[in-house]
Amino acid sequence: GALALVITAGSLGTAAATMRPQAIEEPRYEGLLVNAPAI
């Protein structure tokens, strides 16, 4: 249980510490949204 706490908290903490809000400006599209930049 202690090891699970360390692994899970470490993974989530890494994601939170390295969050890049500017990524929303450069998305990749899949599906019908592939046409979104042109539309």
Full PDB file with SEQRES, HELIX, SHEET, SSBOND, CRYST1, ORIGX, SCALE, CONECT and MASTER records, all heavy atoms in Angstrom:
SEQRES   1 A   39  GLY ALA LEU ALA LEU VAL ILE THR ALA GLY SER LEU GLY          
SEQRES   2 A   39  THR ALA ALA ALA THR MET ARG PRO GLN ALA ILE GLU GLU          
SEQRES   3 A   39  PRO ARG TYR GLU GLY LEU LEU VAL ASN ALA PRO ALA ILE          
HELIX    1 AA1 ALA A    2  ALA A   17  1                                  16    
HELIX    2 AA2 PRO A   21  GLU A   25  5                                   5    
HELIX    3 AA3 GLY A   31  ASN A   35  5                                   5    
CRYST1    1.000    1.000    1.000  90.00  90.00  90.00 P 1           1          
ORIGX1      1.000000  0.000000  0.000000        0.00000                         
ORIGX2      0.000000  1.000000  0.000000        0.00000                         
ORIGX3      0.000000  0.000000  1.000000        0.00000                         
SCALE1      1.000000  0.000000  0.000000        0.00000                         
SCALE2      0.000000  1.000000  0.000000        0.00000                         
SCALE3      0.000000  0.000000  1.000000        0.00000                         
ATOM      1  N   GLY A   1       0.814  -1.209   0.000  1.00  0.00           N  
ATOM      2  CA  GLY A   1       0.000   0.000   0.000  1.00  0.00           C  
ATOM      3  C   GLY A   1       0.846   1.257   0.000  1.00  0.00           C  
ATOM      4  O   GLY A   1       0.550   2.234  -0.710  1.00  0.00           O  
ATOM      5  N   ALA A   2       1.925   1.259   0.812  1.00  0.00           N  
ATOM      6  CA  ALA A   2       2.809   2.420   0.851  1.00  0.00           C  
ATOM      7  C   ALA A   2       3.488   2.634  -0.500  1.00  0.00           C  
ATOM      8  O   ALA A   2       3.627   3.770  -0.979  1.00  0.00           O  
ATOM      9  CB  ALA A   2       3.853   2.239   1.956  1.00  0.00           C  
ATOM     10  N   LEU A   3       3.920   1.532  -1.125  1.00  0.00           N  
ATOM     11  CA  LEU A   3       4.560   1.642  -2.432  1.00  0.00           C  
ATOM     12  C   LEU A   3       3.573   2.156  -3.482  1.00  0.00           C  
ATOM     13  O   LEU A   3       3.933   2.966  -4.346  1.00  0.00           O  
ATOM     14  CB  LEU A   3       5.120   0.285  -2.846  1.00  0.00           C  
ATOM     15  CG  LEU A   3       5.945   0.236  -4.146  1.00  0.00           C  
ATOM     16  CD1 LEU A   3       7.126   1.188  -4.068  1.00  0.00           C  
ATOM     17  CD2 LEU A   3       6.419  -1.197  -4.408  1.00  0.00           C  
ATOM     18  N   ALA A   4       2.320   1.695  -3.398  1.00  0.00           N  
ATOM     19  CA  ALA A   4       1.290   2.177  -4.331  1.00  0.00           C  
ATOM     20  C   ALA A   4       1.063   3.674  -4.158  1.00  0.00           C  
ATOM     21  O   ALA A   4       0.876   4.413  -5.135  1.00  0.00           O  
ATOM     22  CB  ALA A   4      -0.010   1.413  -4.120  1.00  0.00           C  
ATOM     23  N   LEU A   5       1.087   4.133  -2.912  1.00  0.00           N  
ATOM     24  CA  LEU A   5       0.919   5.555  -2.638  1.00  0.00           C  
ATOM     25  C   LEU A   5       2.050   6.359  -3.275  1.00  0.00           C  
ATOM     26  O   LEU A   5       1.819   7.404  -3.906  1.00  0.00           O  
ATOM     27  CB  LEU A   5       0.876   5.792  -1.132  1.00  0.00           C  
ATOM     28  CG  LEU A   5       0.756   7.249  -0.666  1.00  0.00           C  
ATOM     29  CD1 LEU A   5      -0.557   7.846  -1.142  1.00  0.00           C  
ATOM     30  CD2 LEU A   5       0.874   7.330   0.848  1.00  0.00           C  
ATOM     31  N   VAL A   6       3.282   5.869  -3.136  1.00  0.00           N  
ATOM     32  CA  VAL A   6       4.435   6.573  -3.694  1.00  0.00           C  
ATOM     33  C   VAL A   6       4.368   6.607  -5.225  1.00  0.00           C  
ATOM     34  O   VAL A   6       4.582   7.655  -5.854  1.00  0.00           O  
ATOM     35  CB  VAL A   6       5.744   5.915  -3.226  1.00  0.00           C  
ATOM     36  CG1 VAL A   6       6.939   6.500  -3.968  1.00  0.00           C  
ATOM     37  CG2 VAL A   6       5.919   6.082  -1.725  1.00  0.00           C  
ATOM     38  N   ILE A   7       4.050   5.456  -5.834  1.00  0.00           N  
ATOM     39  CA  ILE A   7       4.015   5.384  -7.303  1.00  0.00           C  
ATOM     40  C   ILE A   7       2.917   6.281  -7.862  1.00  0.00           C  
ATOM     41  O   ILE A   7       3.143   7.074  -8.792  1.00  0.00           O  
ATOM     42  CB  ILE A   7       3.809   3.928  -7.756  1.00  0.00           C  
ATOM     43  CG1 ILE A   7       5.045   3.078  -7.406  1.00  0.00           C  
ATOM     44  CG2 ILE A   7       3.522   3.865  -9.252  1.00  0.00           C  
ATOM     45  CD1 ILE A   7       4.873   1.607  -7.704  1.00  0.00           C  
ATOM     46  N   THR A   8       1.709   6.177  -7.299  1.00  0.00           N  
ATOM     47  CA  THR A   8       0.574   6.943  -7.835  1.00  0.00           C  
ATOM     48  C   THR A   8       0.761   8.437  -7.595  1.00  0.00           C  
ATOM     49  O   THR A   8       0.577   9.263  -8.500  1.00  0.00           O  
ATOM     50  CB  THR A   8      -0.740   6.473  -7.192  1.00  0.00           C  
ATOM     51  OG1 THR A   8      -0.856   5.056  -7.317  1.00  0.00           O  
ATOM     52  CG2 THR A   8      -1.934   7.132  -7.869  1.00  0.00           C  
ATOM     53  N   ALA A   9       1.144   8.795  -6.370  1.00  0.00           N  
ATOM     54  CA  ALA A   9       1.348  10.217  -6.068  1.00  0.00           C  
ATOM     55  C   ALA A   9       2.498  10.789  -6.884  1.00  0.00           C  
ATOM     56  O   ALA A   9       2.430  11.938  -7.355  1.00  0.00           O  
ATOM     57  CB  ALA A   9       1.613  10.395  -4.577  1.00  0.00           C  
ATOM     58  N   GLY A  10       3.536  10.012  -7.086  1.00  0.00           N  
ATOM     59  CA  GLY A  10       4.652  10.488  -7.890  1.00  0.00           C  
ATOM     60  C   GLY A  10       4.262  10.719  -9.336  1.00  0.00           C  
ATOM     61  O   GLY A  10       4.657  11.723  -9.946  1.00  0.00           O  
ATOM     62  N   SER A  11       3.463   9.802  -9.904  1.00  0.00           N  
ATOM     63  CA  SER A  11       3.035   9.960 -11.299  1.00  0.00           C  
ATOM     64  C   SER A  11       2.134  11.175 -11.462  1.00  0.00           C  
ATOM     65  O   SER A  11       2.317  11.988 -12.377  1.00  0.00           O  
ATOM     66  CB  SER A  11       2.303   8.694 -11.756  1.00  0.00           C  
ATOM     67  OG  SER A  11       3.155   7.558 -11.685  1.00  0.00           O  
ATOM     68  N   LEU A  12       1.149  11.310 -10.568  1.00  0.00           N  
ATOM     69  CA  LEU A  12       0.241  12.450 -10.647  1.00  0.00           C  
ATOM     70  C   LEU A  12       0.977  13.757 -10.350  1.00  0.00           C  
ATOM     71  O   LEU A  12       0.705  14.791 -10.973  1.00  0.00           O  
ATOM     72  CB  LEU A  12      -0.929  12.259  -9.676  1.00  0.00           C  
ATOM     73  CG  LEU A  12      -1.841  11.057  -9.954  1.00  0.00           C  
ATOM     74  CD1 LEU A  12      -2.914  10.950  -8.883  1.00  0.00           C  
ATOM     75  CD2 LEU A  12      -2.493  11.174 -11.329  1.00  0.00           C  
ATOM     76  N   GLY A  13       1.888  13.712  -9.384  1.00  0.00           N  
ATOM     77  CA  GLY A  13       2.651  14.911  -9.066  1.00  0.00           C  
ATOM     78  C   GLY A  13       3.527  15.362 -10.213  1.00  0.00           C  
ATOM     79  O   GLY A  13       3.662  16.568 -10.472  1.00  0.00           O  
ATOM     80  N   THR A  14       4.120  14.397 -10.921  1.00  0.00           N  
ATOM     81  CA  THR A  14       4.936  14.742 -12.087  1.00  0.00           C  
ATOM     82  C   THR A  14       4.095  15.418 -13.157  1.00  0.00           C  
ATOM     83  O   THR A  14       4.515  16.410 -13.767  1.00  0.00           O  
ATOM     84  CB  THR A  14       5.596  13.478 -12.664  1.00  0.00           C  
ATOM     85  OG1 THR A  14       6.431  12.876 -11.662  1.00  0.00           O  
ATOM     86  CG2 THR A  14       6.420  13.810 -13.897  1.00  0.00           C  
ATOM     87  N   ALA A  15       2.891  14.879 -13.374  1.00  0.00           N  
ATOM     88  CA  ALA A  15       1.996  15.494 -14.362  1.00  0.00           C  
ATOM     89  C   ALA A  15       1.631  16.915 -13.963  1.00  0.00           C  
ATOM     90  O   ALA A  15       1.636  17.833 -14.792  1.00  0.00           O  
ATOM     91  CB  ALA A  15       0.742  14.644 -14.517  1.00  0.00           C  
ATOM     92  N   ALA A  16       1.319  17.120 -12.677  1.00  0.00           N  
ATOM     93  CA  ALA A  16       0.933  18.456 -12.218  1.00  0.00           C  
ATOM     94  C   ALA A  16       2.102  19.430 -12.293  1.00  0.00           C  
ATOM     95  O   ALA A  16       1.935  20.602 -12.664  1.00  0.00           O  
ATOM     96  CB  ALA A  16       0.402  18.374 -10.783  1.00  0.00           C  
ATOM     97  N   ALA A  17       3.297  18.956 -11.963  1.00  0.00           N  
ATOM     98  CA  ALA A  17       4.465  19.843 -11.940  1.00  0.00           C  
ATOM     99  C   ALA A  17       4.920  20.233 -13.333  1.00  0.00           C  
ATOM    100  O   ALA A  17       5.546  21.290 -13.514  1.00  0.00           O  
ATOM    101  CB  ALA A  17       5.606  19.167 -11.184  1.00  0.00           C  
ATOM    102  N   THR A  18       4.617  19.418 -14.328  1.00  0.00           N  
ATOM    103  CA  THR A  18       5.083  19.690 -15.695  1.00  0.00           C  
ATOM    104  C   THR A  18       3.955  20.142 -16.614  1.00  0.00           C  
ATOM    105  O   THR A  18       4.098  20.099 -17.832  1.00  0.00           O  
ATOM    106  CB  THR A  18       5.750  18.432 -16.283  1.00  0.00           C  
ATOM    107  OG1 THR A  18       4.789  17.347 -16.288  1.00  0.00           O  
ATOM    108  CG2 THR A  18       6.951  18.026 -15.463  1.00  0.00           C  
ATOM    109  N   MET A  19       2.828  20.555 -16.046  1.00  0.00           N  
ATOM    110  CA  MET A  19       1.676  20.966 -16.856  1.00  0.00           C  
ATOM    111  C   MET A  19       2.049  22.144 -17.750  1.00  0.00           C  
ATOM    112  O   MET A  19       2.680  23.106 -17.318  1.00  0.00           O  
ATOM    113  CB  MET A  19       0.509  21.343 -15.947  1.00  0.00           C  
ATOM    114  CG  MET A  19      -0.778  21.658 -16.693  1.00  0.00           C  
ATOM    115  SD  MET A  19      -1.434  20.236 -17.603  1.00  0.00           S  
ATOM    116  CE  MET A  19      -1.891  19.157 -16.254  1.00  0.00           C  
ATOM    117  N   ARG A  20       1.612  22.054 -19.023  1.00  0.00           N  
ATOM    118  CA  ARG A  20       1.888  23.098 -20.012  1.00  0.00           C  
ATOM    119  C   ARG A  20       0.567  23.647 -20.549  1.00  0.00           C  
ATOM    120  O   ARG A  20       0.013  23.107 -21.529  1.00  0.00           O  
ATOM    121  CB  ARG A  20       2.734  22.532 -21.156  1.00  0.00           C  
ATOM    122  CG  ARG A  20       4.149  22.133 -20.760  1.00  0.00           C  
ATOM    123  CD  ARG A  20       4.945  21.626 -21.939  1.00  0.00           C  
ATOM    124  NE  ARG A  20       4.486  20.314 -22.380  1.00  0.00           N  
ATOM    125  CZ  ARG A  20       4.919  19.167 -21.884  1.00  0.00           C  
ATOM    126  NH1 ARG A  20       5.837  19.169 -20.916  1.00  0.00           N  
ATOM    127  NH2 ARG A  20       4.469  18.013 -22.329  1.00  0.00           N  
ATOM    128  N   PRO A  21       0.027  24.712 -19.963  1.00  0.00           N  
ATOM    129  CA  PRO A  21      -1.259  25.258 -20.429  1.00  0.00           C  
ATOM    130  C   PRO A  21      -1.228  25.721 -21.883  1.00  0.00           C  
ATOM    131  O   PRO A  21      -2.246  25.708 -22.564  1.00  0.00           O  
ATOM    132  CB  PRO A  21      -1.492  26.445 -19.477  1.00  0.00           C  
ATOM    133  CG  PRO A  21      -0.656  26.149 -18.270  1.00  0.00           C  
ATOM    134  CD  PRO A  21       0.542  25.420 -18.776  1.00  0.00           C  
ATOM    135  N   GLN A  22      -0.060  26.140 -22.364  1.00  0.00           N  
ATOM    136  CA  GLN A  22       0.030  26.639 -23.732  1.00  0.00           C  
ATOM    137  C   GLN A  22      -0.170  25.532 -24.761  1.00  0.00           C  
ATOM    138  O   GLN A  22      -0.281  25.817 -25.961  1.00  0.00           O  
ATOM    139  CB  GLN A  22       1.380  27.321 -23.977  1.00  0.00           C  
ATOM    140  CG  GLN A  22       2.591  26.399 -23.956  1.00  0.00           C  
ATOM    141  CD  GLN A  22       3.134  26.182 -22.545  1.00  0.00           C  
ATOM    142  OE1 GLN A  22       2.459  26.492 -21.571  1.00  0.00           O  
ATOM    143  NE2 GLN A  22       4.351  25.683 -22.454  1.00  0.00           N  
ATOM    144  N   ALA A  23      -0.219  24.272 -24.325  1.00  0.00           N  
ATOM    145  CA  ALA A  23      -0.410  23.167 -25.275  1.00  0.00           C  
ATOM    146  C   ALA A  23      -1.742  23.260 -25.996  1.00  0.00           C  
ATOM    147  O   ALA A  23      -1.898  22.714 -27.097  1.00  0.00           O  
ATOM    148  CB  ALA A  23      -0.305  21.822 -24.537  1.00  0.00           C  
ATOM    149  N   ILE A  24      -2.733  23.951 -25.398  1.00  0.00           N  
ATOM    150  CA  ILE A  24      -4.042  24.077 -26.029  1.00  0.00           C  
ATOM    151  C   ILE A  24      -3.951  24.854 -27.334  1.00  0.00           C  
ATOM    152  O   ILE A  24      -4.812  24.734 -28.213  1.00  0.00           O  
ATOM    153  CB  ILE A  24      -5.037  24.765 -25.054  1.00  0.00           C  
ATOM    154  CG1 ILE A  24      -6.461  24.701 -25.602  1.00  0.00           C  
ATOM    155  CG2 ILE A  24      -4.631  26.210 -24.816  1.00  0.00           C  
ATOM    156  CD1 ILE A  24      -7.018  23.318 -25.683  1.00  0.00           C  
ATOM    157  N   GLU A  25      -2.879  25.640 -27.495  1.00  0.00           N  
ATOM    158  CA  GLU A  25      -2.735  26.435 -28.711  1.00  0.00           C  
ATOM    159  C   GLU A  25      -2.213  25.605 -29.879  1.00  0.00           C  
ATOM    160  O   GLU A  25      -2.265  26.056 -31.029  1.00  0.00           O  
ATOM    161  CB  GLU A  25      -1.789  27.614 -28.459  1.00  0.00           C  
ATOM    162  CG  GLU A  25      -2.293  28.573 -27.379  1.00  0.00           C  
ATOM    163  CD  GLU A  25      -1.312  29.696 -27.107  1.00  0.00           C  
ATOM    164  OE1 GLU A  25      -0.251  29.707 -27.782  1.00  0.00           O  
ATOM    165  OE2 GLU A  25      -1.586  30.532 -26.244  1.00  0.00           O  
ATOM    166  N   GLU A  26      -1.701  24.395 -29.624  1.00  0.00           N  
ATOM    167  CA  GLU A  26      -1.133  23.564 -30.682  1.00  0.00           C  
ATOM    168  C   GLU A  26      -1.693  22.151 -30.586  1.00  0.00           C  
ATOM    169  O   GLU A  26      -0.951  21.191 -30.351  1.00  0.00           O  
ATOM    170  CB  GLU A  26       0.391  23.548 -30.589  1.00  0.00           C  
ATOM    171  CG  GLU A  26       1.035  24.924 -30.753  1.00  0.00           C  
ATOM    172  CD  GLU A  26       2.537  24.868 -30.609  1.00  0.00           C  
ATOM    173  OE1 GLU A  26       3.056  23.795 -30.219  1.00  0.00           O  
ATOM    174  OE2 GLU A  26       3.201  25.884 -30.870  1.00  0.00           O  
ATOM    175  N   PRO A  27      -3.005  21.983 -30.762  1.00  0.00           N  
ATOM    176  CA  PRO A  27      -3.581  20.640 -30.663  1.00  0.00           C  
ATOM    177  C   PRO A  27      -3.372  19.844 -31.946  1.00  0.00           C  
ATOM    178  O   PRO A  27      -3.134  20.395 -33.020  1.00  0.00           O  
ATOM    179  CB  PRO A  27      -5.066  20.928 -30.440  1.00  0.00           C  
ATOM    180  CG  PRO A  27      -5.288  22.215 -31.176  1.00  0.00           C  
ATOM    181  CD  PRO A  27      -4.016  23.000 -31.029  1.00  0.00           C  
ATOM    182  N   ARG A  28      -3.456  18.525 -31.805  1.00  0.00           N  
ATOM    183  CA  ARG A  28      -3.571  17.642 -32.960  1.00  0.00           C  
ATOM    184  C   ARG A  28      -5.019  17.166 -33.016  1.00  0.00           C  
ATOM    185  O   ARG A  28      -5.656  16.953 -31.997  1.00  0.00           O  
ATOM    186  CB  ARG A  28      -2.610  16.448 -32.847  1.00  0.00           C  
ATOM    187  CG  ARG A  28      -1.156  16.839 -32.992  1.00  0.00           C  
ATOM    188  CD  ARG A  28      -0.238  15.627 -33.001  1.00  0.00           C  
ATOM    189  NE  ARG A  28      -0.221  14.930 -31.726  1.00  0.00           N  
ATOM    190  CZ  ARG A  28      -0.672  13.707 -31.523  1.00  0.00           C  
ATOM    191  NH1 ARG A  28      -1.199  13.024 -32.523  1.00  0.00           N  
ATOM    192  NH2 ARG A  28      -0.616  13.150 -30.331  1.00  0.00           N  
ATOM    193  N   TYR A  29      -5.525  16.974 -34.238  1.00  0.00           N  
ATOM    194  CA  TYR A  29      -6.938  16.656 -34.412  1.00  0.00           C  
ATOM    195  C   TYR A  29      -7.097  15.235 -34.927  1.00  0.00           C  
ATOM    196  O   TYR A  29      -6.294  14.737 -35.704  1.00  0.00           O  
ATOM    197  CB  TYR A  29      -7.594  17.621 -35.406  1.00  0.00           C  
ATOM    198  CG  TYR A  29      -7.531  19.070 -34.983  1.00  0.00           C  
ATOM    199  CD1 TYR A  29      -6.465  19.889 -35.379  1.00  0.00           C  
ATOM    200  CD2 TYR A  29      -8.519  19.628 -34.198  1.00  0.00           C  
ATOM    201  CE1 TYR A  29      -6.403  21.224 -34.993  1.00  0.00           C  
ATOM    202  CE2 TYR A  29      -8.472  20.962 -33.810  1.00  0.00           C  
ATOM    203  CZ  TYR A  29      -7.416  21.756 -34.209  1.00  0.00           C  
ATOM    204  OH  TYR A  29      -7.346  23.061 -33.834  1.00  0.00           O  
ATOM    205  N   GLU A  30      -8.193  14.599 -34.517  1.00  0.00           N  
ATOM    206  CA  GLU A  30      -8.576  13.292 -35.040  1.00  0.00           C  
ATOM    207  C   GLU A  30     -10.056  13.329 -35.370  1.00  0.00           C  
ATOM    208  O   GLU A  30     -10.834  14.083 -34.761  1.00  0.00           O  
ATOM    209  CB  GLU A  30      -8.296  12.172 -34.020  1.00  0.00           C  
ATOM    210  CG  GLU A  30      -6.819  11.864 -33.837  1.00  0.00           C  
ATOM    211  CD  GLU A  30      -6.591  10.678 -32.922  1.00  0.00           C  
ATOM    212  OE1 GLU A  30      -7.580  10.217 -32.295  1.00  0.00           O  
ATOM    213  OE2 GLU A  30      -5.443  10.214 -32.824  1.00  0.00           O  
ATOM    214  N   GLY A  31     -10.478  12.460 -36.314  1.00  0.00           N  
ATOM    215  CA  GLY A  31     -11.885  12.409 -36.683  1.00  0.00           C  
ATOM    216  C   GLY A  31     -12.265  13.593 -37.550  1.00  0.00           C  
ATOM    217  O   GLY A  31     -11.458  14.173 -38.274  1.00  0.00           O  
ATOM    218  N   LEU A  32     -13.545  13.994 -37.471  1.00  0.00           N  
ATOM    219  CA  LEU A  32     -14.022  15.111 -38.269  1.00  0.00           C  
ATOM    220  C   LEU A  32     -13.313  16.406 -37.919  1.00  0.00           C  
ATOM    221  O   LEU A  32     -13.253  17.335 -38.720  1.00  0.00           O  
ATOM    222  CB  LEU A  32     -15.537  15.291 -38.074  1.00  0.00           C  
ATOM    223  CG  LEU A  32     -16.427  14.170 -38.629  1.00  0.00           C  
ATOM    224  CD1 LEU A  32     -17.875  14.442 -38.275  1.00  0.00           C  
ATOM    225  CD2 LEU A  32     -16.261  14.044 -40.138  1.00  0.00           C  
ATOM    226  N   LEU A  33     -12.766  16.474 -36.699  1.00  0.00           N  
ATOM    227  CA  LEU A  33     -12.095  17.697 -36.275  1.00  0.00           C  
ATOM    228  C   LEU A  33     -10.787  17.938 -37.016  1.00  0.00           C  
ATOM    229  O   LEU A  33     -10.167  18.982 -36.836  1.00  0.00           O  
ATOM    230  CB  LEU A  33     -11.821  17.659 -34.768  1.00  0.00           C  
ATOM    231  CG  LEU A  33     -13.055  17.810 -33.878  1.00  0.00           C  
ATOM    232  CD1 LEU A  33     -12.654  17.691 -32.417  1.00  0.00           C  
ATOM    233  CD2 LEU A  33     -13.749  19.123 -34.134  1.00  0.00           C  
ATOM    234  N   VAL A  34     -10.365  16.978 -37.846  1.00  0.00           N  
ATOM    235  CA  VAL A  34      -9.180  17.220 -38.673  1.00  0.00           C  
ATOM    236  C   VAL A  34      -9.392  18.465 -39.523  1.00  0.00           C  
ATOM    237  O   VAL A  34      -8.454  19.215 -39.827  1.00  0.00           O  
ATOM    238  CB  VAL A  34      -8.883  15.993 -39.557  1.00  0.00           C  
ATOM    239  CG1 VAL A  34      -7.850  16.316 -40.616  1.00  0.00           C  
ATOM    240  CG2 VAL A  34      -8.396  14.843 -38.688  1.00  0.00           C  
ATOM    241  N   ASN A  35     -10.669  18.733 -39.893  1.00  0.00           N  
ATOM    242  CA  ASN A  35     -10.974  19.901 -40.717  1.00  0.00           C  
ATOM    243  C   ASN A  35     -11.133  21.167 -39.899  1.00  0.00           C  
ATOM    244  O   ASN A  35     -11.370  22.238 -40.458  1.00  0.00           O  
ATOM    245  CB  ASN A  35     -12.280  19.664 -41.493  1.00  0.00           C  
ATOM    246  CG  ASN A  35     -12.156  18.508 -42.461  1.00  0.00           C  
ATOM    247  OD1 ASN A  35     -11.144  18.364 -43.116  1.00  0.00           O  
ATOM    248  ND2 ASN A  35     -13.181  17.672 -42.539  1.00  0.00           N  
ATOM    249  N   ALA A  36     -11.005  21.080 -38.579  1.00  0.00           N  
ATOM    250  CA  ALA A  36     -11.303  22.233 -37.726  1.00  0.00           C  
ATOM    251  C   ALA A  36     -10.439  23.450 -38.035  1.00  0.00           C  
ATOM    252  O   ALA A  36     -10.954  24.571 -38.076  1.00  0.00           O  
ATOM    253  CB  ALA A  36     -11.173  21.853 -36.254  1.00  0.00           C  
ATOM    254  N   PRO A  37      -9.116  23.314 -38.250  1.00  0.00           N  
ATOM    255  CA  PRO A  37      -8.339  24.524 -38.513  1.00  0.00           C  
ATOM    256  C   PRO A  37      -8.823  25.288 -39.741  1.00  0.00           C  
ATOM    257  O   PRO A  37      -8.863  26.513 -39.737  1.00  0.00           O  
ATOM    258  CB  PRO A  37      -6.913  23.990 -38.712  1.00  0.00           C  
ATOM    259  CG  PRO A  37      -6.893  22.700 -37.960  1.00  0.00           C  
ATOM    260  CD  PRO A  37      -8.266  22.117 -38.152  1.00  0.00           C  
ATOM    261  N   ALA A  38      -9.222  24.567 -40.785  1.00  0.00           N  
ATOM    262  CA  ALA A  38      -9.683  25.246 -41.990  1.00  0.00           C  
ATOM    263  C   ALA A  38     -11.063  25.858 -41.800  1.00  0.00           C  
ATOM    264  O   ALA A  38     -11.381  26.898 -42.358  1.00  0.00           O  
ATOM    265  CB  ALA A  38      -9.721  24.254 -43.163  1.00  0.00           C  
ATOM    266  N   ILE A  39     -11.888  25.196 -40.990  1.00  0.00           N  
ATOM    267  CA  ILE A  39     -13.263  25.668 -40.804  1.00  0.00           C  
ATOM    268  C   ILE A  39     -13.324  26.811 -39.817  1.00  0.00           C  
ATOM    269  O   ILE A  39     -13.973  27.822 -40.032  1.00  0.00           O  
ATOM    270  CB  ILE A  39     -14.160  24.508 -40.336  1.00  0.00           C  
ATOM    271  CG1 ILE A  39     -14.236  23.443 -41.436  1.00  0.00           C  
ATOM    272  CG2 ILE A  39     -15.552  24.990 -39.969  1.00  0.00           C  
ATOM    273  CD1 ILE A  39     -14.921  22.184 -41.000  1.00  0.00           C  
TER     274      ILE A  39                                                      
MASTER        0    0    0    3    0    0    0    6  273    1    0    3          
END                                                                             
